[in-house]
Amino acid sequence: MKIKSYINRDKTSRIENDYTIGSVTFDYSFWIDNHMKNYGKEFWHLIRTDGEWKIISVVFSYELAEFYPEK
């Protein structure tokens, strides 16, 4: 079984920050044996502390490709 997860880093990716807090938004898809199983969007919220970025929250949508084909 081949399992792959993709982050689509094209026009749908967005990064914003003010060097203290930040957010990352992107589309993703999850594949098993060359068939997409689910897809959606992810939103990460980050904070910069001691010169490093830390993820403080993750929110994501989850669409089952079997029932909701990607638009």
C-alpha atoms as a PDB file:
ATOM      1  CA  MET A   1       0.000   0.000   0.000  1.00  0.00           C
ATOM      2  CA  LYS A   2       1.391   3.393  -1.036  1.00  0.00           C
ATOM      3  CA  ILE A   3       0.338   6.303   1.164  1.00  0.00           C
ATOM      4  CA  LYS A   4       1.011   9.907   0.142  1.00  0.00           C
ATOM      5  CA  SER A   5      -0.063  13.283   1.438  1.00  0.00           C
ATOM      6  CA  TYR A   6       0.274  16.440  -0.631  1.00  0.00           C
ATOM      7  CA  ILE A   7       0.348  20.087   0.282  1.00  0.00           C
ATOM      8  CA  ASN A   8      -0.577  22.151  -2.737  1.00  0.00           C
ATOM      9  CA  ARG A   9       1.921  25.028  -2.718  1.00  0.00           C
ATOM     10  CA  ASP A  10       0.487  26.959  -5.622  1.00  0.00           C
ATOM     11  CA  LYS A  11      -1.827  29.982  -5.634  1.00  0.00           C
ATOM     12  CA  THR A  12      -3.878  28.481  -2.777  1.00  0.00           C
ATOM     13  CA  SER A  13      -1.046  28.773  -0.212  1.00  0.00           C
ATOM     14  CA  ARG A  14      -0.924  31.886   1.918  1.00  0.00           C
ATOM     15  CA  ILE A  15       1.564  32.942   4.589  1.00  0.00           C
ATOM     16  CA  GLU A  16       1.143  36.017   6.770  1.00  0.00           C
ATOM     17  CA  ASN A  17       3.171  37.226   9.742  1.00  0.00           C
ATOM     18  CA  ASP A  18       4.311  40.266  11.641  1.00  0.00           C
ATOM     19  CA  TYR A  19       7.431  38.527  13.065  1.00  0.00           C
ATOM     20  CA  THR A  20       5.593  37.744  16.325  1.00  0.00           C
ATOM     21  CA  ILE A  21       2.484  35.860  15.192  1.00  0.00           C
ATOM     22  CA  GLY A  22       1.710  34.224  11.869  1.00  0.00           C
ATOM     23  CA  SER A  23      -0.656  32.035   9.915  1.00  0.00           C
ATOM     24  CA  VAL A  24      -0.299  29.541   7.079  1.00  0.00           C
ATOM     25  CA  THR A  25      -3.229  28.410   4.909  1.00  0.00           C
ATOM     26  CA  PHE A  26      -3.045  25.743   2.208  1.00  0.00           C
ATOM     27  CA  ASP A  27      -4.987  23.061   0.352  1.00  0.00           C
ATOM     28  CA  TYR A  28      -4.059  19.425   0.920  1.00  0.00           C
ATOM     29  CA  SER A  29      -4.966  15.994  -0.441  1.00  0.00           C
ATOM     30  CA  PHE A  30      -4.367  12.500   0.975  1.00  0.00           C
ATOM     31  CA  TRP A  31      -3.835   9.524  -1.355  1.00  0.00           C
ATOM     32  CA  ILE A  32      -3.686   5.736  -0.911  1.00  0.00           C
ATOM     33  CA  ASP A  33      -2.666   3.512  -3.850  1.00  0.00           C
ATOM     34  CA  ASN A  34      -2.979   6.408  -6.330  1.00  0.00           C
ATOM     35  CA  HIS A  35      -6.588   7.180  -5.284  1.00  0.00           C
ATOM     36  CA  MET A  36      -7.460  10.389  -3.474  1.00  0.00           C
ATOM     37  CA  LYS A  37      -9.216   9.539  -0.195  1.00  0.00           C
ATOM     38  CA  ASN A  38      -9.770  13.017   1.211  1.00  0.00           C
ATOM     39  CA  TYR A  39      -8.884  16.642   0.664  1.00  0.00           C
ATOM     40  CA  GLY A  40      -9.470  20.013   2.238  1.00  0.00           C
ATOM     41  CA  LYS A  41      -7.853  23.125   3.666  1.00  0.00           C
ATOM     42  CA  GLU A  42      -5.530  23.547   6.633  1.00  0.00           C
ATOM     43  CA  PHE A  43      -5.002  26.641   8.751  1.00  0.00           C
ATOM     44  CA  TRP A  44      -1.991  26.837  11.064  1.00  0.00           C
ATOM     45  CA  HIS A  45      -1.510  29.561  13.669  1.00  0.00           C
ATOM     46  CA  LEU A  46       2.029  30.227  14.839  1.00  0.00           C
ATOM     47  CA  ILE A  47       3.905  32.270  17.421  1.00  0.00           C
ATOM     48  CA  ARG A  48       7.569  33.237  17.359  1.00  0.00           C
ATOM     49  CA  THR A  49       9.417  32.588  20.576  1.00  0.00           C
ATOM     50  CA  ASP A  50      13.179  32.532  21.226  1.00  0.00           C
ATOM     51  CA  GLY A  51      13.759  33.097  17.503  1.00  0.00           C
ATOM     52  CA  GLU A  52      11.775  30.014  16.399  1.00  0.00           C
ATOM     53  CA  TRP A  53       8.278  29.584  14.989  1.00  0.00           C
ATOM     54  CA  LYS A  54       5.963  27.266  16.976  1.00  0.00           C
ATOM     55  CA  ILE A  55       2.600  25.964  15.790  1.00  0.00           C
ATOM     56  CA  ILE A  56      -0.017  26.773  18.429  1.00  0.00           C
ATOM     57  CA  SER A  57      -3.161  25.570  16.632  1.00  0.00           C
ATOM     58  CA  VAL A  58      -4.263  23.666  13.544  1.00  0.00           C
ATOM     59  CA  VAL A  59      -7.742  23.738  12.022  1.00  0.00           C
ATOM     60  CA  PHE A  60      -8.657  21.753   8.920  1.00  0.00           C
ATOM     61  CA  SER A  61     -11.557  20.730   6.734  1.00  0.00           C
ATOM     62  CA  TYR A  62     -11.991  17.113   5.655  1.00  0.00           C
ATOM     63  CA  GLU A  63     -13.908  16.148   2.517  1.00  0.00           C
ATOM     64  CA  LEU A  64     -14.225  12.477   1.529  1.00  0.00           C
ATOM     65  CA  ALA A  65     -13.359  12.283  -2.169  1.00  0.00           C
ATOM     66  CA  GLU A  66     -15.653   9.258  -2.613  1.00  0.00           C
ATOM     67  CA  PHE A  67     -18.738  11.328  -1.742  1.00  0.00           C
ATOM     68  CA  TYR A  68     -17.592  14.869  -2.551  1.00  0.00           C
ATOM     69  CA  PRO A  69     -15.388  14.962  -5.678  1.00  0.00           C
ATOM     70  CA  GLU A  70     -12.880  17.812  -5.656  1.00  0.00           C
ATOM     71  CA  LYS A  71     -14.166  20.894  -7.489  1.00  0.00           C
END
